Amino acid sequence: MKFRNLLAMLALVTGVGAAQATYTVNIVQNGANVVMTGSGSIDTTGMTLSVTNSSCANGLITPSALCIGTAPAGLIGTGIASSVTGLTSGAGTSADAATGSPVYAVGNTLYLPAGYVSLSPISSSSTFNGKTLATLGLTAGTTKTITLTSGDTIVVTTGTVAPATVPTLSEYAMAVLAAAMAMLGLVAMRRKMS
Protein backbone atom coordinates (compact mmCIF):
# COMPACT_ATOMS: atom_id res chain seq x y z
CA MET A 1 0.00 0.00 0.00
CA LYS A 2 2.80 2.44 0.85
CA PHE A 3 4.57 1.74 -2.46
CA ARG A 4 1.40 2.59 -4.40
CA ASN A 5 1.03 5.85 -2.45
CA LEU A 6 4.62 6.77 -3.21
CA LEU A 7 4.07 6.08 -6.93
CA ALA A 8 0.93 8.24 -6.91
CA MET A 9 2.80 11.10 -5.27
CA LEU A 10 5.69 10.86 -7.75
CA ALA A 11 3.28 10.79 -10.69
CA LEU A 12 1.61 13.95 -9.42
CA VAL A 13 4.87 15.81 -8.87
CA THR A 14 6.49 14.75 -12.16
CA GLY A 15 3.26 15.23 -14.10
CA VAL A 16 3.56 18.97 -13.77
CA GLY A 17 5.37 20.05 -16.92
CA ALA A 18 7.30 23.22 -17.50
CA ALA A 19 5.10 26.21 -18.16
CA GLN A 20 5.19 27.39 -21.75
CA ALA A 21 6.25 30.99 -22.13
CA THR A 22 3.84 33.35 -23.84
CA TYR A 23 4.14 36.98 -24.82
CA THR A 24 0.74 38.67 -24.90
CA VAL A 25 -0.04 41.84 -26.84
CA ASN A 26 -3.27 43.71 -26.11
CA ILE A 27 -4.37 46.49 -28.46
CA VAL A 28 -7.21 48.55 -27.02
CA GLN A 29 -9.06 51.80 -27.57
CA ASN A 30 -8.31 54.01 -24.57
CA GLY A 31 -10.33 57.21 -24.91
CA ALA A 32 -9.14 59.06 -28.01
CA ASN A 33 -6.01 56.91 -28.33
CA VAL A 34 -5.08 53.34 -29.12
CA VAL A 35 -2.72 51.70 -26.63
CA MET A 36 -0.74 48.56 -27.44
CA THR A 37 0.82 46.79 -24.44
CA GLY A 38 2.88 43.65 -24.39
CA SER A 39 4.17 41.48 -21.58
CA GLY A 40 5.39 37.98 -20.86
CA SER A 41 8.50 36.01 -21.67
CA ILE A 42 9.89 34.36 -24.78
CA ASP A 43 11.81 31.11 -25.07
CA THR A 44 14.48 31.64 -27.73
CA THR A 45 15.33 27.93 -28.05
CA GLY A 46 15.89 26.97 -31.68
CA MET A 47 16.26 30.53 -32.94
CA THR A 48 19.21 31.71 -34.98
CA LEU A 49 20.91 34.59 -33.21
CA SER A 50 22.17 37.56 -35.16
CA VAL A 51 22.60 41.18 -34.12
CA THR A 52 20.54 43.28 -36.50
CA ASN A 53 19.06 46.75 -36.49
CA SER A 54 15.37 46.83 -37.28
CA SER A 55 13.23 49.55 -38.82
CA CYS A 56 10.82 49.89 -35.89
CA ALA A 57 11.13 53.27 -34.23
CA ASN A 58 8.54 53.64 -31.44
CA GLY A 59 5.89 51.07 -32.12
CA LEU A 60 4.33 50.18 -35.44
CA ILE A 61 1.35 48.33 -36.83
CA THR A 62 1.38 47.34 -40.52
CA PRO A 63 -0.25 44.58 -42.56
CA SER A 64 2.85 42.40 -42.07
CA ALA A 65 4.63 43.78 -39.01
CA LEU A 66 3.97 44.39 -35.34
CA CYS A 67 6.36 46.42 -33.21
CA ILE A 68 5.83 47.36 -29.60
CA GLY A 69 8.13 49.35 -27.33
CA THR A 70 10.95 51.82 -27.83
CA ALA A 71 13.43 51.92 -30.69
CA PRO A 72 15.12 48.51 -30.73
CA ALA A 73 18.60 47.31 -31.40
CA GLY A 74 17.51 43.91 -32.65
CA LEU A 75 18.70 40.49 -31.63
CA ILE A 76 17.39 37.03 -32.55
CA GLY A 77 16.44 36.34 -36.13
CA THR A 78 14.37 33.62 -37.79
CA GLY A 79 12.24 31.66 -35.43
CA ILE A 80 8.60 32.43 -36.14
CA ALA A 81 6.67 29.52 -37.59
CA SER A 82 3.64 31.66 -38.42
CA SER A 83 4.04 35.14 -39.87
CA VAL A 84 2.22 38.24 -38.64
CA THR A 85 0.36 38.94 -41.89
CA GLY A 86 -3.29 39.78 -41.50
CA LEU A 87 -3.04 41.94 -38.37
CA THR A 88 -4.22 45.07 -40.19
CA SER A 89 -5.56 46.15 -43.54
CA GLY A 90 -3.98 49.61 -43.59
CA ALA A 91 -0.64 50.84 -44.89
CA GLY A 92 0.91 51.06 -41.44
CA THR A 93 1.08 53.59 -38.63
CA SER A 94 3.91 54.49 -36.28
CA ALA A 95 3.18 55.11 -32.60
CA ASP A 96 3.49 58.57 -31.08
CA ALA A 97 5.05 57.34 -27.84
CA ALA A 98 6.55 54.13 -26.52
CA THR A 99 8.16 52.73 -23.40
CA GLY A 100 9.79 49.48 -22.36
CA SER A 101 11.78 46.83 -24.17
CA PRO A 102 11.05 46.32 -27.87
CA VAL A 103 9.44 43.24 -29.36
CA TYR A 104 9.26 43.37 -33.15
CA ALA A 105 7.83 40.65 -35.37
CA VAL A 106 7.85 40.93 -39.14
CA GLY A 107 7.40 38.10 -41.63
CA ASN A 108 9.33 35.16 -40.20
CA THR A 109 11.70 37.22 -38.04
CA LEU A 110 11.44 38.17 -34.38
CA TYR A 111 13.53 40.99 -32.96
CA LEU A 112 14.18 41.36 -29.23
CA PRO A 113 16.42 43.73 -27.23
CA ALA A 114 20.14 43.11 -27.53
CA GLY A 115 21.19 40.87 -24.64
CA TYR A 116 17.71 39.44 -24.02
CA VAL A 117 17.96 36.32 -21.86
CA SER A 118 15.61 33.51 -22.88
CA LEU A 119 12.49 33.21 -20.69
CA SER A 120 13.14 36.47 -18.81
CA PRO A 121 10.18 38.85 -18.34
CA ILE A 122 9.77 41.56 -20.95
CA SER A 123 7.18 44.32 -21.26
CA SER A 124 6.51 47.39 -23.36
CA SER A 125 3.82 49.80 -24.46
CA SER A 126 3.11 51.99 -27.49
CA THR A 127 0.48 54.74 -27.81
CA PHE A 128 -1.14 55.96 -31.03
CA ASN A 129 -2.57 59.42 -30.26
CA GLY A 130 -5.85 60.45 -31.86
CA LYS A 131 -6.32 57.05 -33.52
CA THR A 132 -9.08 54.45 -33.37
CA LEU A 133 -8.85 50.72 -33.91
CA ALA A 134 -10.63 51.23 -37.25
CA THR A 135 -8.20 53.91 -38.50
CA LEU A 136 -5.34 51.52 -37.72
CA GLY A 137 -7.06 48.80 -39.76
CA LEU A 138 -7.83 46.67 -36.70
CA THR A 139 -11.04 44.85 -35.82
CA ALA A 140 -12.16 44.66 -32.20
CA GLY A 141 -12.63 41.17 -30.81
CA THR A 142 -9.96 39.49 -32.93
CA THR A 143 -7.04 37.36 -31.78
CA LYS A 144 -3.94 36.36 -33.76
CA THR A 145 -1.50 33.72 -32.49
CA ILE A 146 2.07 33.65 -33.77
CA THR A 147 3.92 30.42 -33.02
CA LEU A 148 7.66 30.50 -32.39
CA THR A 149 10.19 27.76 -33.15
CA SER A 150 10.41 26.93 -29.43
CA GLY A 151 6.67 26.28 -29.31
CA ASP A 152 6.02 29.53 -27.45
CA THR A 153 3.40 31.90 -28.75
CA ILE A 154 2.85 35.59 -29.23
CA VAL A 155 -0.87 36.21 -28.79
CA VAL A 156 -2.19 39.50 -30.20
CA THR A 157 -5.68 40.46 -28.99
CA THR A 158 -7.56 43.49 -30.24
CA GLY A 159 -10.40 44.81 -28.08
CA THR A 160 -12.33 47.89 -27.08
CA VAL A 161 -11.48 47.91 -23.38
CA ALA A 162 -8.32 46.88 -21.63
CA PRO A 163 -8.63 43.23 -20.60
CA ALA A 164 -7.97 42.29 -17.00
CA THR A 165 -4.62 40.65 -16.45
CA VAL A 166 -4.68 37.04 -15.33
CA PRO A 167 -2.07 36.18 -12.73
CA THR A 168 0.04 33.15 -13.54
CA LEU A 169 2.56 31.11 -11.61
CA SER A 170 6.13 30.51 -12.72
CA GLU A 171 7.22 26.95 -13.44
CA TYR A 172 9.02 26.84 -10.06
CA ALA A 173 5.90 27.98 -8.22
CA MET A 174 3.89 25.32 -10.06
CA ALA A 175 6.39 22.64 -8.99
CA VAL A 176 6.22 23.80 -5.36
CA LEU A 177 2.41 23.89 -5.52
CA ALA A 178 2.30 20.37 -6.98
CA ALA A 179 4.68 19.07 -4.31
CA ALA A 180 2.59 20.71 -1.56
CA MET A 181 -0.59 19.19 -2.96
CA ALA A 182 1.06 15.77 -3.13
CA MET A 183 2.22 16.04 0.48
CA LEU A 184 -1.28 17.08 1.62
CA GLY A 185 -2.73 14.11 -0.26
CA LEU A 186 -0.24 11.79 1.41
CA VAL A 187 -1.09 13.16 4.86
CA ALA A 188 -4.83 12.77 4.14
CA MET A 189 -4.31 9.17 3.00
CA ARG A 190 -2.30 8.35 6.14
CA ARG A 191 -5.03 9.81 8.36
CA LYS A 192 -7.65 7.77 6.54
CA MET A 193 -5.61 4.57 7.02
CA SER A 194 -5.17 5.20 10.77
C-alpha atoms as a PDB file:
ATOM      1  CA  MET A   1       0.000   0.000   0.000  1.00  0.00           C
ATOM      2  CA  LYS A   2       2.803   2.442   0.853  1.00  0.00           C
ATOM      3  CA  PHE A   3       4.568   1.737  -2.457  1.00  0.00           C
ATOM      4  CA  ARG A   4       1.400   2.588  -4.397  1.00  0.00           C
ATOM      5  CA  ASN A   5       1.026   5.855  -2.451  1.00  0.00           C
ATOM      6  CA  LEU A   6       4.617   6.770  -3.211  1.00  0.00           C
ATOM      7  CA  LEU A   7       4.074   6.084  -6.927  1.00  0.00           C
ATOM      8  CA  ALA A   8       0.927   8.238  -6.914  1.00  0.00           C
ATOM      9  CA  MET A   9       2.798  11.105  -5.268  1.00  0.00           C
ATOM     10  CA  LEU A  10       5.694  10.860  -7.751  1.00  0.00           C
ATOM     11  CA  ALA A  11       3.280  10.786 -10.687  1.00  0.00           C
ATOM     12  CA  LEU A  12       1.608  13.955  -9.418  1.00  0.00           C
ATOM     13  CA  VAL A  13       4.872  15.815  -8.873  1.00  0.00           C
ATOM     14  CA  THR A  14       6.490  14.747 -12.161  1.00  0.00           C
ATOM     15  CA  GLY A  15       3.261  15.225 -14.099  1.00  0.00           C
ATOM     16  CA  VAL A  16       3.563  18.975 -13.765  1.00  0.00           C
ATOM     17  CA  GLY A  17       5.375  20.048 -16.919  1.00  0.00           C
ATOM     18  CA  ALA A  18       7.302  23.217 -17.495  1.00  0.00           C
ATOM     19  CA  ALA A  19       5.102  26.209 -18.159  1.00  0.00           C
ATOM     20  CA  GLN A  20       5.194  27.388 -21.746  1.00  0.00           C
ATOM     21  CA  ALA A  21       6.249  30.993 -22.131  1.00  0.00           C
ATOM     22  CA  THR A  22       3.843  33.353 -23.840  1.00  0.00           C
ATOM     23  CA  TYR A  23       4.139  36.978 -24.823  1.00  0.00           C
ATOM     24  CA  THR A  24       0.739  38.672 -24.900  1.00  0.00           C
ATOM     25  CA  VAL A  25      -0.041  41.844 -26.838  1.00  0.00           C
ATOM     26  CA  ASN A  26      -3.275  43.708 -26.109  1.00  0.00           C
ATOM     27  CA  ILE A  27      -4.367  46.489 -28.461  1.00  0.00           C
ATOM     28  CA  VAL A  28      -7.213  48.549 -27.017  1.00  0.00           C
ATOM     29  CA  GLN A  29      -9.064  51.798 -27.565  1.00  0.00           C
ATOM     30  CA  ASN A  30      -8.314  54.014 -24.570  1.00  0.00           C
ATOM     31  CA  GLY A  31     -10.329  57.214 -24.906  1.00  0.00           C
ATOM     32  CA  ALA A  32      -9.141  59.062 -28.015  1.00  0.00           C
ATOM     33  CA  ASN A  33      -6.009  56.912 -28.333  1.00  0.00           C
ATOM     34  CA  VAL A  34      -5.078  53.339 -29.123  1.00  0.00           C
ATOM     35  CA  VAL A  35      -2.719  51.697 -26.635  1.00  0.00           C
ATOM     36  CA  MET A  36      -0.742  48.559 -27.436  1.00  0.00           C
ATOM     37  CA  THR A  37       0.820  46.794 -24.437  1.00  0.00           C
ATOM     38  CA  GLY A  38       2.880  43.648 -24.392  1.00  0.00           C
ATOM     39  CA  SER A  39       4.172  41.476 -21.580  1.00  0.00           C
ATOM     40  CA  GLY A  40       5.392  37.980 -20.855  1.00  0.00           C
ATOM     41  CA  SER A  41       8.500  36.010 -21.665  1.00  0.00           C
ATOM     42  CA  ILE A  42       9.888  34.361 -24.777  1.00  0.00           C
ATOM     43  CA  ASP A  43      11.807  31.109 -25.065  1.00  0.00           C
ATOM     44  CA  THR A  44      14.478  31.645 -27.732  1.00  0.00           C
ATOM     45  CA  THR A  45      15.327  27.932 -28.051  1.00  0.00           C
ATOM     46  CA  GLY A  46      15.892  26.967 -31.683  1.00  0.00           C
ATOM     47  CA  MET A  47      16.256  30.534 -32.938  1.00  0.00           C
ATOM     48  CA  THR A  48      19.212  31.705 -34.977  1.00  0.00           C
ATOM     49  CA  LEU A  49      20.910  34.595 -33.210  1.00  0.00           C
ATOM     50  CA  SER A  50      22.171  37.556 -35.162  1.00  0.00           C
ATOM     51  CA  VAL A  51      22.602  41.182 -34.123  1.00  0.00           C
ATOM     52  CA  THR A  52      20.540  43.276 -36.503  1.00  0.00           C
ATOM     53  CA  ASN A  53      19.056  46.752 -36.495  1.00  0.00           C
ATOM     54  CA  SER A  54      15.371  46.830 -37.279  1.00  0.00           C
ATOM     55  CA  SER A  55      13.231  49.552 -38.819  1.00  0.00           C
ATOM     56  CA  CYS A  56      10.816  49.886 -35.891  1.00  0.00           C
ATOM     57  CA  ALA A  57      11.128  53.272 -34.229  1.00  0.00           C
ATOM     58  CA  ASN A  58       8.538  53.639 -31.443  1.00  0.00           C
ATOM     59  CA  GLY A  59       5.887  51.072 -32.118  1.00  0.00           C
ATOM     60  CA  LEU A  60       4.335  50.180 -35.443  1.00  0.00           C
ATOM     61  CA  ILE A  61       1.346  48.334 -36.834  1.00  0.00           C
ATOM     62  CA  THR A  62       1.379  47.336 -40.516  1.00  0.00           C
ATOM     63  CA  PRO A  63      -0.246  44.575 -42.561  1.00  0.00           C
ATOM     64  CA  SER A  64       2.849  42.402 -42.074  1.00  0.00           C
ATOM     65  CA  ALA A  65       4.633  43.776 -39.006  1.00  0.00           C
ATOM     66  CA  LEU A  66       3.969  44.386 -35.342  1.00  0.00           C
ATOM     67  CA  CYS A  67       6.357  46.419 -33.212  1.00  0.00           C
ATOM     68  CA  ILE A  68       5.832  47.356 -29.597  1.00  0.00           C
ATOM     69  CA  GLY A  69       8.132  49.348 -27.329  1.00  0.00           C
ATOM     70  CA  THR A  70      10.955  51.821 -27.828  1.00  0.00           C
ATOM     71  CA  ALA A  71      13.427  51.916 -30.691  1.00  0.00           C
ATOM     72  CA  PRO A  72      15.121  48.509 -30.735  1.00  0.00           C
ATOM     73  CA  ALA A  73      18.605  47.307 -31.397  1.00  0.00           C
ATOM     74  CA  GLY A  74      17.515  43.907 -32.653  1.00  0.00           C
ATOM     75  CA  LEU A  75      18.705  40.486 -31.634  1.00  0.00           C
ATOM     76  CA  ILE A  76      17.393  37.029 -32.551  1.00  0.00           C
ATOM     77  CA  GLY A  77      16.441  36.341 -36.129  1.00  0.00           C
ATOM     78  CA  THR A  78      14.367  33.616 -37.795  1.00  0.00           C
ATOM     79  CA  GLY A  79      12.237  31.659 -35.435  1.00  0.00           C
ATOM     80  CA  ILE A  80       8.604  32.434 -36.140  1.00  0.00           C
ATOM     81  CA  ALA A  81       6.672  29.519 -37.586  1.00  0.00           C
ATOM     82  CA  SER A  82       3.638  31.661 -38.423  1.00  0.00           C
ATOM     83  CA  SER A  83       4.043  35.135 -39.874  1.00  0.00           C
ATOM     84  CA  VAL A  84       2.222  38.240 -38.640  1.00  0.00           C
ATOM     85  CA  THR A  85       0.356  38.936 -41.891  1.00  0.00           C
ATOM     86  CA  GLY A  86      -3.293  39.782 -41.495  1.00  0.00           C
ATOM     87  CA  LEU A  87      -3.043  41.941 -38.371  1.00  0.00           C
ATOM     88  CA  THR A  88      -4.225  45.068 -40.194  1.00  0.00           C
ATOM     89  CA  SER A  89      -5.557  46.152 -43.543  1.00  0.00           C
ATOM     90  CA  GLY A  90      -3.981  49.612 -43.589  1.00  0.00           C
ATOM     91  CA  ALA A  91      -0.637  50.844 -44.887  1.00  0.00           C
ATOM     92  CA  GLY A  92       0.913  51.062 -41.440  1.00  0.00           C
ATOM     93  CA  THR A  93       1.078  53.589 -38.627  1.00  0.00           C
ATOM     94  CA  SER A  94       3.911  54.489 -36.275  1.00  0.00           C
ATOM     95  CA  ALA A  95       3.182  55.109 -32.603  1.00  0.00           C
ATOM     96  CA  ASP A  96       3.493  58.570 -31.081  1.00  0.00           C
ATOM     97  CA  ALA A  97       5.052  57.338 -27.839  1.00  0.00           C
ATOM     98  CA  ALA A  98       6.553  54.130 -26.524  1.00  0.00           C
ATOM     99  CA  THR A  99       8.156  52.730 -23.396  1.00  0.00           C
ATOM    100  CA  GLY A 100       9.787  49.483 -22.365  1.00  0.00           C
ATOM    101  CA  SER A 101      11.782  46.827 -24.165  1.00  0.00           C
ATOM    102  CA  PRO A 102      11.054  46.319 -27.870  1.00  0.00           C
ATOM    103  CA  VAL A 103       9.440  43.241 -29.364  1.00  0.00           C
ATOM    104  CA  TYR A 104       9.263  43.369 -33.151  1.00  0.00           C
ATOM    105  CA  ALA A 105       7.829  40.646 -35.370  1.00  0.00           C
ATOM    106  CA  VAL A 106       7.854  40.926 -39.142  1.00  0.00           C
ATOM    107  CA  GLY A 107       7.398  38.103 -41.626  1.00  0.00           C
ATOM    108  CA  ASN A 108       9.331  35.157 -40.196  1.00  0.00           C
ATOM    109  CA  THR A 109      11.704  37.219 -38.040  1.00  0.00           C
ATOM    110  CA  LEU A 110      11.437  38.165 -34.379  1.00  0.00           C
ATOM    111  CA  TYR A 111      13.530  40.994 -32.956  1.00  0.00           C
ATOM    112  CA  LEU A 112      14.182  41.359 -29.226  1.00  0.00           C
ATOM    113  CA  PRO A 113      16.420  43.735 -27.233  1.00  0.00           C
ATOM    114  CA  ALA A 114      20.142  43.109 -27.530  1.00  0.00           C
ATOM    115  CA  GLY A 115      21.188  40.871 -24.644  1.00  0.00           C
ATOM    116  CA  TYR A 116      17.708  39.442 -24.022  1.00  0.00           C
ATOM    117  CA  VAL A 117      17.955  36.315 -21.860  1.00  0.00           C
ATOM    118  CA  SER A 118      15.612  33.507 -22.885  1.00  0.00           C
ATOM    119  CA  LEU A 119      12.492  33.208 -20.685  1.00  0.00           C
ATOM    120  CA  SER A 120      13.142  36.471 -18.813  1.00  0.00           C
ATOM    121  CA  PRO A 121      10.176  38.846 -18.339  1.00  0.00           C
ATOM    122  CA  ILE A 122       9.768  41.555 -20.947  1.00  0.00           C
ATOM    123  CA  SER A 123       7.177  44.316 -21.261  1.00  0.00           C
ATOM    124  CA  SER A 124       6.509  47.385 -23.357  1.00  0.00           C
ATOM    125  CA  SER A 125       3.817  49.804 -24.460  1.00  0.00           C
ATOM    126  CA  SER A 126       3.110  51.991 -27.494  1.00  0.00           C
ATOM    127  CA  THR A 127       0.484  54.738 -27.813  1.00  0.00           C
ATOM    128  CA  PHE A 128      -1.144  55.956 -31.030  1.00  0.00           C
ATOM    129  CA  ASN A 129      -2.568  59.417 -30.262  1.00  0.00           C
ATOM    130  CA  GLY A 130      -5.850  60.446 -31.864  1.00  0.00           C
ATOM    131  CA  LYS A 131      -6.320  57.051 -33.519  1.00  0.00           C
ATOM    132  CA  THR A 132      -9.077  54.449 -33.368  1.00  0.00           C
ATOM    133  CA  LEU A 133      -8.847  50.721 -33.911  1.00  0.00           C
ATOM    134  CA  ALA A 134     -10.628  51.231 -37.252  1.00  0.00           C
ATOM    135  CA  THR A 135      -8.204  53.906 -38.503  1.00  0.00           C
ATOM    136  CA  LEU A 136      -5.343  51.523 -37.715  1.00  0.00           C
ATOM    137  CA  GLY A 137      -7.056  48.800 -39.758  1.00  0.00           C
ATOM    138  CA  LEU A 138      -7.833  46.668 -36.697  1.00  0.00           C
ATOM    139  CA  THR A 139     -11.038  44.851 -35.818  1.00  0.00           C
ATOM    140  CA  ALA A 140     -12.161  44.662 -32.196  1.00  0.00           C
ATOM    141  CA  GLY A 141     -12.625  41.168 -30.809  1.00  0.00           C
ATOM    142  CA  THR A 142      -9.958  39.489 -32.931  1.00  0.00           C
ATOM    143  CA  THR A 143      -7.037  37.361 -31.782  1.00  0.00           C
ATOM    144  CA  LYS A 144      -3.938  36.356 -33.762  1.00  0.00           C
ATOM    145  CA  THR A 145      -1.498  33.724 -32.495  1.00  0.00           C
ATOM    146  CA  ILE A 146       2.072  33.655 -33.772  1.00  0.00           C
ATOM    147  CA  THR A 147       3.924  30.418 -33.024  1.00  0.00           C
ATOM    148  CA  LEU A 148       7.665  30.499 -32.390  1.00  0.00           C
ATOM    149  CA  THR A 149      10.191  27.756 -33.151  1.00  0.00           C
ATOM    150  CA  SER A 150      10.409  26.932 -29.429  1.00  0.00           C
ATOM    151  CA  GLY A 151       6.670  26.284 -29.314  1.00  0.00           C
ATOM    152  CA  ASP A 152       6.021  29.534 -27.449  1.00  0.00           C
ATOM    153  CA  THR A 153       3.397  31.902 -28.753  1.00  0.00           C
ATOM    154  CA  ILE A 154       2.854  35.592 -29.225  1.00  0.00           C
ATOM    155  CA  VAL A 155      -0.870  36.213 -28.789  1.00  0.00           C
ATOM    156  CA  VAL A 156      -2.194  39.500 -30.196  1.00  0.00           C
ATOM    157  CA  THR A 157      -5.681  40.464 -28.989  1.00  0.00           C
ATOM    158  CA  THR A 158      -7.563  43.489 -30.243  1.00  0.00           C
ATOM    159  CA  GLY A 159     -10.396  44.808 -28.084  1.00  0.00           C
ATOM    160  CA  THR A 160     -12.333  47.889 -27.085  1.00  0.00           C
ATOM    161  CA  VAL A 161     -11.484  47.913 -23.377  1.00  0.00           C
ATOM    162  CA  ALA A 162      -8.320  46.884 -21.631  1.00  0.00           C
ATOM    163  CA  PRO A 163      -8.628  43.225 -20.597  1.00  0.00           C
ATOM    164  CA  ALA A 164      -7.973  42.294 -16.995  1.00  0.00           C
ATOM    165  CA  THR A 165      -4.623  40.652 -16.447  1.00  0.00           C
ATOM    166  CA  VAL A 166      -4.683  37.044 -15.331  1.00  0.00           C
ATOM    167  CA  PRO A 167      -2.072  36.180 -12.726  1.00  0.00           C
ATOM    168  CA  THR A 168       0.039  33.154 -13.540  1.00  0.00           C
ATOM    169  CA  LEU A 169       2.558  31.110 -11.612  1.00  0.00           C
ATOM    170  CA  SER A 170       6.128  30.511 -12.716  1.00  0.00           C
ATOM    171  CA  GLU A 171       7.215  26.952 -13.435  1.00  0.00           C
ATOM    172  CA  TYR A 172       9.016  26.836 -10.063  1.00  0.00           C
ATOM    173  CA  ALA A 173       5.898  27.983  -8.215  1.00  0.00           C
ATOM    174  CA  MET A 174       3.891  25.322 -10.064  1.00  0.00           C
ATOM    175  CA  ALA A 175       6.392  22.638  -8.995  1.00  0.00           C
ATOM    176  CA  VAL A 176       6.220  23.804  -5.364  1.00  0.00           C
ATOM    177  CA  LEU A 177       2.408  23.893  -5.519  1.00  0.00           C
ATOM    178  CA  ALA A 178       2.302  20.372  -6.983  1.00  0.00           C
ATOM    179  CA  ALA A 179       4.679  19.073  -4.309  1.00  0.00           C
ATOM    180  CA  ALA A 180       2.595  20.707  -1.558  1.00  0.00           C
ATOM    181  CA  MET A 181      -0.588  19.186  -2.957  1.00  0.00           C
ATOM    182  CA  ALA A 182       1.064  15.765  -3.129  1.00  0.00           C
ATOM    183  CA  MET A 183       2.216  16.043   0.477  1.00  0.00           C
ATOM    184  CA  LEU A 184      -1.277  17.078   1.619  1.00  0.00           C
ATOM    185  CA  GLY A 185      -2.726  14.106  -0.257  1.00  0.00           C
ATOM    186  CA  LEU A 186      -0.237  11.792   1.407  1.00  0.00           C
ATOM    187  CA  VAL A 187      -1.093  13.160   4.859  1.00  0.00           C
ATOM    188  CA  ALA A 188      -4.828  12.769   4.139  1.00  0.00           C
ATOM    189  CA  MET A 189      -4.310   9.168   3.004  1.00  0.00           C
ATOM    190  CA  ARG A 190      -2.304   8.345   6.144  1.00  0.00           C
ATOM    191  CA  ARG A 191      -5.031   9.813   8.359  1.00  0.00           C
ATOM    192  CA  LYS A 192      -7.655   7.768   6.544  1.00  0.00           C
ATOM    193  CA  MET A 193      -5.613   4.567   7.017  1.00  0.00           C
ATOM    194  CA  SER A 194      -5.167   5.197  10.773  1.00  0.00           C
END
